Protein backbone atom coordinates (compact mmCIF):
# COMPACT_ATOMS: atom_id res chain seq x y z
CA MET A 1 125.81 59.94 84.10
CA ALA A 2 127.60 63.26 84.84
CA GLN A 3 124.48 65.20 83.50
CA THR A 4 122.19 62.99 85.63
CA GLY A 5 124.25 63.68 88.64
CA THR A 6 124.34 67.43 88.00
CA LYS A 7 120.49 67.59 87.62
CA MET A 8 119.94 65.42 90.85
CA ALA A 9 122.34 67.71 92.97
CA ALA A 10 120.53 70.73 91.61
CA PHE A 11 117.08 69.18 92.50
CA LYS A 12 118.11 68.15 95.88
CA GLN A 13 119.30 71.76 96.48
CA ALA A 14 116.07 73.28 95.05
CA LEU A 15 113.50 70.86 96.77
CA PRO A 16 114.03 72.09 100.49
CA LEU A 17 113.94 75.78 99.53
CA SER A 18 110.69 75.16 97.46
CA PHE A 19 108.94 72.98 99.81
CA SER A 20 107.08 75.56 101.94
CA ILE A 21 106.15 77.40 98.76
CA MET A 22 104.89 74.23 97.25
CA ALA A 23 102.81 73.43 100.20
CA GLY A 24 101.39 76.92 100.03
CA PHE A 25 100.67 76.69 96.37
CA VAL A 26 98.79 73.35 96.68
CA PHE A 27 96.42 74.96 99.28
CA LEU A 28 96.12 78.25 97.47
CA GLY A 29 95.55 76.42 94.21
CA ILE A 30 92.76 74.49 95.71
CA THR A 31 91.29 77.86 96.71
CA CYS A 32 91.55 79.07 93.17
CA GLY A 33 90.08 76.02 91.77
CA MET A 34 87.13 76.00 94.19
CA TYR A 35 86.54 79.69 93.41
CA SER A 36 86.46 79.15 89.86
CA SER A 37 84.03 76.16 90.27
CA SER A 38 81.81 78.30 92.51
CA LEU A 39 81.55 80.74 89.50
CA GLY A 40 80.08 78.06 87.21
CA LEU A 41 83.34 77.33 85.31
CA PRO A 42 84.14 73.68 84.33
CA TRP A 43 86.32 71.68 86.63
CA TRP A 44 89.13 71.66 84.09
CA MET A 45 89.35 75.36 83.68
CA PRO A 46 91.51 76.06 86.80
CA THR A 47 94.09 73.50 85.44
CA PHE A 48 94.12 75.04 82.10
CA MET A 49 94.66 78.35 83.60
CA SER A 50 97.38 77.10 85.82
CA ILE A 51 99.32 75.84 82.85
CA ALA A 52 98.53 78.58 80.30
CA ILE A 53 98.67 81.57 82.75
CA PHE A 54 100.37 80.60 85.72
CA GLY A 55 99.76 83.80 87.63
CA GLY A 56 97.96 83.35 90.92
CA SER A 57 96.30 86.68 91.25
CA ALA A 58 95.78 86.83 87.51
CA GLU A 59 93.93 83.58 87.59
CA PHE A 60 91.59 84.84 90.35
CA VAL A 61 90.79 87.87 88.19
CA VAL A 62 90.34 85.82 84.93
CA ALA A 63 88.07 83.39 86.74
CA SER A 64 85.89 86.28 87.91
CA MET A 65 85.64 87.83 84.50
CA LEU A 66 84.95 84.68 82.42
CA PRO A 67 81.46 84.30 83.46
CA GLY A 68 80.51 87.85 82.21
CA ALA A 69 80.33 89.25 78.75
CA PHE A 70 83.17 88.60 76.25
CA ASP A 71 85.48 91.65 76.55
CA PRO A 72 89.15 90.56 75.79
CA LEU A 73 90.44 94.19 75.82
CA THR A 74 89.39 94.89 79.22
CA THR A 75 90.61 91.55 80.50
CA PHE A 76 94.03 92.27 78.87
CA ALA A 77 94.18 95.71 80.62
CA VAL A 78 93.28 94.46 83.90
CA ILE A 79 95.65 91.48 83.86
CA LEU A 80 98.38 93.82 82.62
CA VAL A 81 97.98 96.07 85.63
CA VAL A 82 97.64 93.19 88.13
CA GLN A 83 100.71 91.54 86.85
CA ALA A 84 102.83 94.49 85.97
CA ARG A 85 105.17 93.89 89.06
CA HIS A 86 106.68 91.14 86.70
CA LEU A 87 108.21 93.82 84.72
CA PHE A 88 110.36 94.56 87.66
CA TYR A 89 111.01 90.97 88.28
CA GLY A 90 112.21 90.54 84.68
CA LEU A 91 114.59 93.43 84.95
CA SER A 92 116.07 92.06 88.12
CA MET A 93 116.65 88.69 86.39
CA LEU A 94 118.29 89.83 83.25
CA TRP A 95 121.84 88.93 84.68
CA PRO A 96 120.81 85.83 86.47
CA PHE A 97 119.13 84.35 83.28
CA ARG A 98 122.21 84.99 81.11
CA GLY A 99 123.67 81.89 79.47
CA MET A 100 120.76 79.61 80.41
CA GLY A 101 120.32 78.34 76.81
CA ARG A 102 117.16 76.25 76.32
CA LYS A 103 116.15 76.61 80.03
CA LYS A 104 115.73 80.45 79.58
CA PRO A 105 112.28 80.46 77.90
CA TYR A 106 110.58 78.38 80.49
CA LEU A 107 112.53 80.19 83.18
CA ILE A 108 110.99 83.63 81.84
CA TYR A 109 107.50 81.99 81.55
CA ALA A 110 107.41 80.45 85.02
CA LEU A 111 108.73 83.56 86.61
CA CYS A 112 106.33 84.27 89.61
CA ASP A 113 106.81 86.11 92.91
CA GLU A 114 107.67 82.96 94.77
CA SER A 115 110.26 81.73 92.14
CA PHE A 116 111.69 85.10 91.97
CA SER A 117 112.10 85.29 95.63
CA ILE A 118 114.05 81.95 95.77
CA ASN A 119 116.03 82.18 92.55
CA TYR A 120 117.22 85.81 93.23
CA GLY A 121 117.94 85.38 96.79
CA ALA A 122 119.30 81.78 97.17
CA ARG A 123 123.00 81.36 98.04
CA ILE A 124 123.78 78.55 95.58
CA PRO A 125 126.80 76.44 96.30
CA ALA A 126 129.62 76.74 93.74
CA ASP A 127 129.28 73.09 92.79
CA ILE A 128 125.47 73.31 92.05
CA ASP A 129 124.50 74.13 88.45
CA ARG A 130 122.66 77.40 88.70
CA GLY A 131 120.59 76.91 85.68
CA TRP A 132 119.15 73.56 86.71
CA PHE A 133 118.55 74.76 90.23
CA MET A 134 116.42 77.78 88.98
CA LEU A 135 114.58 75.47 86.54
CA PHE A 136 113.77 72.99 89.21
CA VAL A 137 112.67 75.75 91.67
CA SER A 138 110.32 77.07 88.91
CA LEU A 139 109.04 73.50 87.90
CA LEU A 140 108.38 72.35 91.44
CA ASN A 141 106.39 75.56 92.07
CA GLN A 142 104.27 75.41 89.03
CA SER A 143 103.60 71.64 89.45
CA SER A 144 102.40 72.20 92.89
CA TRP A 145 100.18 75.04 91.67
CA VAL A 146 98.69 72.80 88.82
CA LEU A 147 98.04 70.00 91.41
CA GLY A 148 96.27 72.38 93.79
CA CYS A 149 94.03 74.02 91.05
CA THR A 150 93.03 70.61 89.70
CA LEU A 151 92.08 69.27 93.01
CA GLY A 152 90.22 72.45 93.83
CA GLY A 153 88.38 72.37 90.51
CA VAL A 154 87.46 68.76 91.04
CA PHE A 155 86.34 69.02 94.50
CA GLY A 156 84.75 72.36 94.05
CA SER A 157 82.48 70.94 91.11
CA MET A 158 81.47 68.05 93.47
CA ILE A 159 80.90 69.61 96.83
CA PRO A 160 79.07 72.93 97.34
CA LEU A 161 80.94 75.14 99.82
CA ASP A 162 80.70 78.68 101.14
CA ILE A 163 83.85 80.49 99.85
CA LYS A 164 83.16 83.86 101.40
CA GLY A 165 86.55 85.45 102.16
CA ILE A 166 88.56 82.60 100.59
CA SER A 167 90.27 84.99 98.20
CA PHE A 168 92.25 86.53 101.25
CA ALA A 169 94.49 83.37 100.98
CA MET A 170 96.57 85.26 98.39
CA THR A 171 97.14 88.13 100.63
CA ALA A 172 98.05 85.89 103.51
CA LEU A 173 100.64 83.99 101.24
CA PHE A 174 102.25 87.38 100.32
CA VAL A 175 102.53 88.41 104.06
CA VAL A 176 104.13 85.15 104.89
CA ILE A 177 106.64 85.50 101.88
CA PHE A 178 107.59 89.04 103.14
CA LEU A 179 108.11 88.03 106.62
CA ASP A 180 110.28 85.08 105.58
CA GLN A 181 112.36 87.51 103.50
CA TRP A 182 112.54 89.94 106.50
CA LEU A 183 113.95 87.35 108.71
CA GLN A 184 116.61 86.20 106.30
CA GLU A 185 117.95 89.51 104.94
CA LYS A 186 120.90 91.09 106.47
CA SER A 187 119.65 94.75 106.14
CA HIS A 188 115.99 95.83 106.02
CA VAL A 189 116.68 99.08 103.90
CA SER A 190 115.11 97.62 100.90
CA SER A 191 112.17 96.25 102.67
CA LEU A 192 111.51 99.46 104.62
CA THR A 193 111.64 101.30 101.36
CA GLY A 194 109.02 99.03 99.76
CA LEU A 195 106.86 99.54 102.68
CA ALA A 196 107.26 103.43 102.83
CA ALA A 197 106.59 103.67 99.12
CA SER A 198 103.60 101.52 99.31
CA ALA A 199 102.06 103.39 102.13
CA ALA A 200 102.64 106.64 100.43
CA ALA A 201 101.10 105.56 97.21
CA LEU A 202 98.18 104.06 99.16
CA ALA A 203 97.55 107.41 100.88
CA ILE A 204 97.84 109.43 97.64
CA PHE A 205 96.21 107.13 95.11
CA GLY A 206 93.92 105.02 97.09
CA ALA A 207 93.55 101.13 97.39
CA ASP A 208 92.42 100.74 93.70
CA SER A 209 95.29 102.51 91.92
CA PHE A 210 98.25 102.46 94.42
CA LEU A 211 100.16 99.48 93.00
CA ILE A 212 101.93 100.78 89.94
CA PRO A 213 102.81 104.21 91.70
CA ALA A 214 104.22 102.16 94.55
CA MET A 215 106.43 100.06 92.24
CA ILE A 216 107.65 103.04 90.40
CA GLY A 217 108.61 104.79 93.72
CA ILE A 218 110.37 101.75 94.83
CA LEU A 219 112.28 101.48 91.57
CA VAL A 220 113.29 105.13 91.76
CA VAL A 221 114.36 105.03 95.42
CA VAL A 222 116.36 101.83 95.20
CA THR A 223 118.03 102.99 92.02
CA ALA A 224 119.04 106.13 93.67
CA LEU A 225 120.38 104.43 96.64
CA ARG A 226 122.05 101.55 94.73
CA PRO A 227 125.49 102.36 95.57
CA LYS A 228 124.78 102.46 99.31
CA LEU A 229 122.65 99.43 99.28
CA GLU A 230 125.28 97.38 97.40
CA GLY A 231 127.80 98.28 100.09
CA ILE A 232 125.33 97.43 102.91
CA TYR A 233 124.51 94.01 101.51
CA ALA A 234 128.19 93.36 100.60
CA ASN A 235 129.22 94.04 104.06
CA GLY A 236 126.33 91.78 105.44
CA ASP A 237 127.47 88.89 103.07
CA ARG A 238 131.13 89.23 104.26
CA ALA A 239 130.04 89.21 107.93
CA ALA A 240 127.98 86.14 107.57
CA GLN A 241 130.85 84.38 105.69
CA ALA A 242 133.64 85.45 108.17
CA PRO A 243 134.98 82.62 110.30
CA ALA A 244 133.86 82.53 114.00
CA HIS A 245 136.57 82.87 116.62
CA ASN A 246 136.81 80.80 119.87
CA GLU A 247 137.68 82.35 123.22
CA ASN A 248 141.41 81.70 122.61
CA GLY A 249 141.46 83.77 119.46
CA GLY A 250 141.71 80.91 116.92
CA ASP A 251 139.23 80.32 114.23
CA GLU A 252 136.78 77.59 114.93
CA ALA A 253 137.12 74.54 112.59
């Protein structure tokens, strides 16, 4: 009973934080499913990819490459470049994933942009089991993605639609996630560093090759500024947790 209560408490904590991502995943998954069907793939292929791959942008790329000639090495190389950002997510989650036991393999497998954003940045109450919280965040996000891809695959195979420009939904989702993080963070130093590094890499390497250099630039700058950044964010957390004072000088209840 205690274990069930622990899981339920973690689920109730994870659900509100995941809900907006889940809604986005359902609609974006529908987009991915419809896109796959428009390429002539069977209706079940988006569902299979959402389970076996679970990488939004990677699934769009794989779907576009499957109808062509069989070339696994090229596909592997392209997906490695597209998903290279997960290397940085993994490094960031080395400490949070310590001591997760049997949950750890799935947490690693299901680590995507949105789950990383929630699990890394969430302020989890002390009475909530962190492992179960992160597991439910990852599970809820993937389940909604599987649902969306399945719906998109089924409806896309039944209803002919014009999908021109529909792949922009992925970009739109990333913009929304960035804006949400911007509004929540106490300091914008890290975000501005990312924007500056991305802009510089884009100007130097071009739109087709800027992603990896931008990530390397962000890693170098953030590592160099780590002592200062830790101080900035620590001060922000203390300010947020400090008790408010009323007009008479006493702490508010």
